[in-house]
Amino acid sequence: MWGTLHGAIEALARNAAYELGPLRVNAVSPGGIGVHPANRQLIAHPGQPDDVAAMVIALMANPAVTATVVDGGEFLGDPG
């Protein structure tokens, strides 16, 4: 289910960026915030609210970034 939802968020961001250009459209899908990471999560520590805020600021600060979904690595899958 999460893969389908993430795919829909990514498609929405890309299509909205295409339709609304030159406006920039990005999305943040952080997954579990402030909880212990799941076994499949590829990052070493659980995300915190400040991490999400920093990513939003980074997306807003870079005028070259659009049609991007940041997910914190939760949806990358198992590398092994």
N, C-alpha and C. Protein backbone atom coordinates (compact mmCIF):
# COMPACT_ATOMS: atom_id res chain seq x y z
N MET A 1 0.81 -1.20 0.00
CA MET A 1 0.00 0.00 0.00
C MET A 1 0.85 1.26 0.00
N TRP A 2 1.95 1.26 0.81
CA TRP A 2 2.79 2.46 0.87
C TRP A 2 3.43 2.74 -0.48
N GLY A 3 3.81 1.69 -1.20
CA GLY A 3 4.40 1.90 -2.52
C GLY A 3 3.44 2.56 -3.48
N THR A 4 2.18 2.14 -3.43
CA THR A 4 1.15 2.74 -4.28
C THR A 4 0.92 4.19 -3.90
N LEU A 5 0.84 4.45 -2.61
CA LEU A 5 0.62 5.82 -2.14
C LEU A 5 1.79 6.72 -2.53
N HIS A 6 3.01 6.22 -2.33
CA HIS A 6 4.19 7.01 -2.68
C HIS A 6 4.22 7.27 -4.19
N GLY A 7 3.87 6.28 -4.99
CA GLY A 7 3.81 6.47 -6.43
C GLY A 7 2.80 7.53 -6.83
N ALA A 8 1.67 7.55 -6.14
CA ALA A 8 0.65 8.56 -6.42
C ALA A 8 1.13 9.96 -6.05
N ILE A 9 1.82 10.07 -4.92
CA ILE A 9 2.36 11.37 -4.51
C ILE A 9 3.39 11.86 -5.52
N GLU A 10 4.25 10.95 -5.97
CA GLU A 10 5.27 11.32 -6.96
C GLU A 10 4.62 11.74 -8.28
N ALA A 11 3.63 10.99 -8.73
CA ALA A 11 2.94 11.35 -9.98
C ALA A 11 2.23 12.69 -9.85
N LEU A 12 1.61 12.94 -8.71
CA LEU A 12 0.94 14.22 -8.49
C LEU A 12 1.93 15.37 -8.55
N ALA A 13 3.07 15.23 -7.89
CA ALA A 13 4.07 16.30 -7.88
C ALA A 13 4.60 16.56 -9.29
N ARG A 14 4.90 15.50 -10.02
CA ARG A 14 5.43 15.68 -11.38
C ARG A 14 4.40 16.30 -12.32
N ASN A 15 3.17 15.81 -12.27
CA ASN A 15 2.13 16.35 -13.14
C ASN A 15 1.78 17.79 -12.78
N ALA A 16 1.72 18.08 -11.49
CA ALA A 16 1.43 19.45 -11.07
C ALA A 16 2.55 20.39 -11.50
N ALA A 17 3.80 19.95 -11.40
CA ALA A 17 4.92 20.78 -11.83
C ALA A 17 4.83 21.05 -13.33
N TYR A 18 4.46 20.04 -14.09
CA TYR A 18 4.32 20.20 -15.54
C TYR A 18 3.19 21.17 -15.88
N GLU A 19 2.05 20.98 -15.23
CA GLU A 19 0.86 21.79 -15.54
C GLU A 19 0.98 23.22 -15.02
N LEU A 20 1.65 23.40 -13.89
CA LEU A 20 1.69 24.72 -13.25
C LEU A 20 2.97 25.50 -13.55
N GLY A 21 3.89 24.89 -14.32
CA GLY A 21 5.13 25.59 -14.64
C GLY A 21 4.84 26.96 -15.22
N PRO A 22 5.58 27.95 -14.86
CA PRO A 22 6.89 27.95 -14.23
C PRO A 22 6.87 27.86 -12.70
N LEU A 23 5.71 27.69 -12.09
CA LEU A 23 5.70 27.49 -10.63
C LEU A 23 6.40 26.18 -10.31
N ARG A 24 7.09 26.15 -9.18
CA ARG A 24 7.77 24.92 -8.76
C ARG A 24 6.86 24.13 -7.84
N VAL A 25 6.85 22.82 -8.02
CA VAL A 25 6.05 21.92 -7.18
C VAL A 25 6.95 20.80 -6.69
N ASN A 26 7.02 20.63 -5.39
CA ASN A 26 7.78 19.55 -4.78
C ASN A 26 6.92 18.94 -3.68
N ALA A 27 7.28 17.75 -3.24
CA ALA A 27 6.53 17.09 -2.18
C ALA A 27 7.50 16.46 -1.19
N VAL A 28 7.08 16.42 0.06
CA VAL A 28 7.85 15.77 1.11
C VAL A 28 6.96 14.67 1.69
N SER A 29 7.46 13.45 1.65
CA SER A 29 6.73 12.29 2.17
C SER A 29 7.64 11.60 3.17
N PRO A 30 7.72 12.12 4.39
CA PRO A 30 8.78 11.70 5.31
C PRO A 30 8.60 10.33 5.94
N GLY A 31 7.43 9.73 5.87
CA GLY A 31 7.24 8.44 6.54
C GLY A 31 7.14 8.63 8.04
N GLY A 32 7.65 7.66 8.79
CA GLY A 32 7.58 7.73 10.25
C GLY A 32 8.51 8.79 10.81
N ILE A 33 7.96 9.71 11.56
CA ILE A 33 8.76 10.77 12.17
C ILE A 33 8.73 10.58 13.68
N GLY A 34 9.91 10.56 14.27
CA GLY A 34 10.02 10.42 15.71
C GLY A 34 9.77 9.02 16.21
N VAL A 35 9.79 8.03 15.32
CA VAL A 35 9.60 6.64 15.71
C VAL A 35 10.83 5.84 15.33
N HIS A 36 10.99 4.69 15.95
CA HIS A 36 12.13 3.84 15.63
C HIS A 36 12.00 3.35 14.19
N PRO A 37 13.08 3.40 13.39
CA PRO A 37 12.98 3.02 11.99
C PRO A 37 12.60 1.56 11.80
N ALA A 38 11.84 1.30 10.76
CA ALA A 38 11.47 -0.08 10.41
C ALA A 38 12.69 -0.81 9.89
N ASN A 39 12.63 -2.11 9.88
CA ASN A 39 13.77 -2.91 9.41
C ASN A 39 14.15 -2.59 7.97
N ARG A 40 13.18 -2.20 7.16
CA ARG A 40 13.48 -1.94 5.74
C ARG A 40 13.97 -0.53 5.48
N GLN A 41 13.95 0.33 6.49
CA GLN A 41 14.38 1.71 6.29
C GLN A 41 15.90 1.75 6.18
N LEU A 42 16.40 2.53 5.23
CA LEU A 42 17.83 2.52 4.93
C LEU A 42 18.63 3.59 5.65
N ILE A 43 18.00 4.40 6.45
CA ILE A 43 18.74 5.42 7.17
C ILE A 43 18.96 4.97 8.61
N ALA A 44 19.99 5.49 9.23
CA ALA A 44 20.41 4.98 10.53
C ALA A 44 19.57 5.48 11.70
N HIS A 45 18.94 6.63 11.56
CA HIS A 45 18.18 7.16 12.69
C HIS A 45 16.79 7.58 12.22
N PRO A 46 15.82 7.53 13.11
CA PRO A 46 14.48 7.97 12.72
C PRO A 46 14.46 9.48 12.48
N GLY A 47 13.66 9.90 11.52
CA GLY A 47 13.55 11.32 11.24
C GLY A 47 12.88 12.06 12.38
N GLN A 48 13.24 13.30 12.51
CA GLN A 48 12.66 14.17 13.53
C GLN A 48 11.97 15.34 12.83
N PRO A 49 11.05 16.01 13.50
CA PRO A 49 10.37 17.15 12.86
C PRO A 49 11.33 18.20 12.31
N ASP A 50 12.44 18.43 13.00
CA ASP A 50 13.41 19.40 12.49
C ASP A 50 14.03 18.96 11.17
N ASP A 51 14.17 17.64 10.97
CA ASP A 51 14.69 17.13 9.70
C ASP A 51 13.74 17.45 8.55
N VAL A 52 12.46 17.28 8.80
CA VAL A 52 11.45 17.58 7.77
C VAL A 52 11.46 19.07 7.46
N ALA A 53 11.52 19.89 8.50
CA ALA A 53 11.54 21.34 8.29
C ALA A 53 12.77 21.76 7.48
N ALA A 54 13.91 21.16 7.77
CA ALA A 54 15.13 21.49 7.03
C ALA A 54 15.00 21.10 5.56
N MET A 55 14.35 19.97 5.28
CA MET A 55 14.18 19.56 3.89
C MET A 55 13.23 20.50 3.15
N VAL A 56 12.17 20.92 3.80
CA VAL A 56 11.25 21.87 3.17
C VAL A 56 11.97 23.18 2.85
N ILE A 57 12.77 23.65 3.79
CA ILE A 57 13.52 24.89 3.56
C ILE A 57 14.51 24.71 2.42
N ALA A 58 15.18 23.55 2.36
CA ALA A 58 16.13 23.30 1.27
C ALA A 58 15.43 23.27 -0.08
N LEU A 59 14.26 22.66 -0.15
CA LEU A 59 13.51 22.63 -1.41
C LEU A 59 13.08 24.03 -1.82
N MET A 60 12.67 24.83 -0.85
CA MET A 60 12.22 26.19 -1.15
C MET A 60 13.39 27.10 -1.55
N ALA A 61 14.56 26.85 -0.99
CA ALA A 61 15.70 27.73 -1.21
C ALA A 61 16.36 27.52 -2.57
N ASN A 62 16.19 26.36 -3.17
CA ASN A 62 16.86 26.06 -4.44
C ASN A 62 15.88 26.26 -5.59
N PRO A 63 16.03 27.32 -6.37
CA PRO A 63 15.08 27.59 -7.44
C PRO A 63 15.16 26.61 -8.61
N ALA A 64 16.17 25.78 -8.65
CA ALA A 64 16.32 24.83 -9.75
C ALA A 64 15.60 23.51 -9.49
N VAL A 65 15.09 23.30 -8.29
CA VAL A 65 14.47 22.03 -7.94
C VAL A 65 12.97 22.11 -8.13
N THR A 66 12.43 21.20 -8.93
CA THR A 66 10.99 21.08 -9.10
C THR A 66 10.65 19.64 -9.46
N ALA A 67 9.41 19.26 -9.27
CA ALA A 67 8.92 17.90 -9.56
C ALA A 67 9.69 16.85 -8.78
N THR A 68 10.04 17.16 -7.55
CA THR A 68 10.84 16.28 -6.72
C THR A 68 10.05 15.82 -5.50
N VAL A 69 10.18 14.54 -5.17
CA VAL A 69 9.58 14.00 -3.96
C VAL A 69 10.71 13.51 -3.06
N VAL A 70 10.77 14.02 -1.86
CA VAL A 70 11.77 13.60 -0.88
C VAL A 70 11.08 12.69 0.11
N ASP A 71 11.64 11.48 0.29
CA ASP A 71 10.96 10.51 1.14
C ASP A 71 11.81 9.97 2.29
N GLY A 72 12.99 10.46 2.48
CA GLY A 72 13.80 10.02 3.61
C GLY A 72 14.35 8.61 3.47
N GLY A 73 14.31 8.03 2.28
CA GLY A 73 14.87 6.71 2.04
C GLY A 73 13.97 5.56 2.42
N GLU A 74 12.80 5.83 2.94
CA GLU A 74 11.93 4.77 3.43
C GLU A 74 11.40 3.88 2.31
N PHE A 75 11.29 4.40 1.11
CA PHE A 75 10.67 3.65 0.03
C PHE A 75 11.67 3.10 -0.98
N LEU A 76 12.95 3.06 -0.63
CA LEU A 76 13.96 2.57 -1.56
C LEU A 76 13.96 1.06 -1.69
N GLY A 77 13.49 0.38 -0.68
CA GLY A 77 13.47 -1.07 -0.73
C GLY A 77 14.72 -1.68 -0.13
N ASP A 78 14.78 -2.98 -0.15
CA ASP A 78 15.88 -3.73 0.44
C ASP A 78 17.02 -3.85 -0.56
N PRO A 79 18.21 -3.32 -0.22
CA PRO A 79 19.32 -3.39 -1.17
C PRO A 79 19.91 -4.78 -1.30
N GLY A 80 19.62 -5.65 -0.36
CA GLY A 80 20.23 -6.97 -0.40
C GLY A 80 19.25 -7.98 -0.74
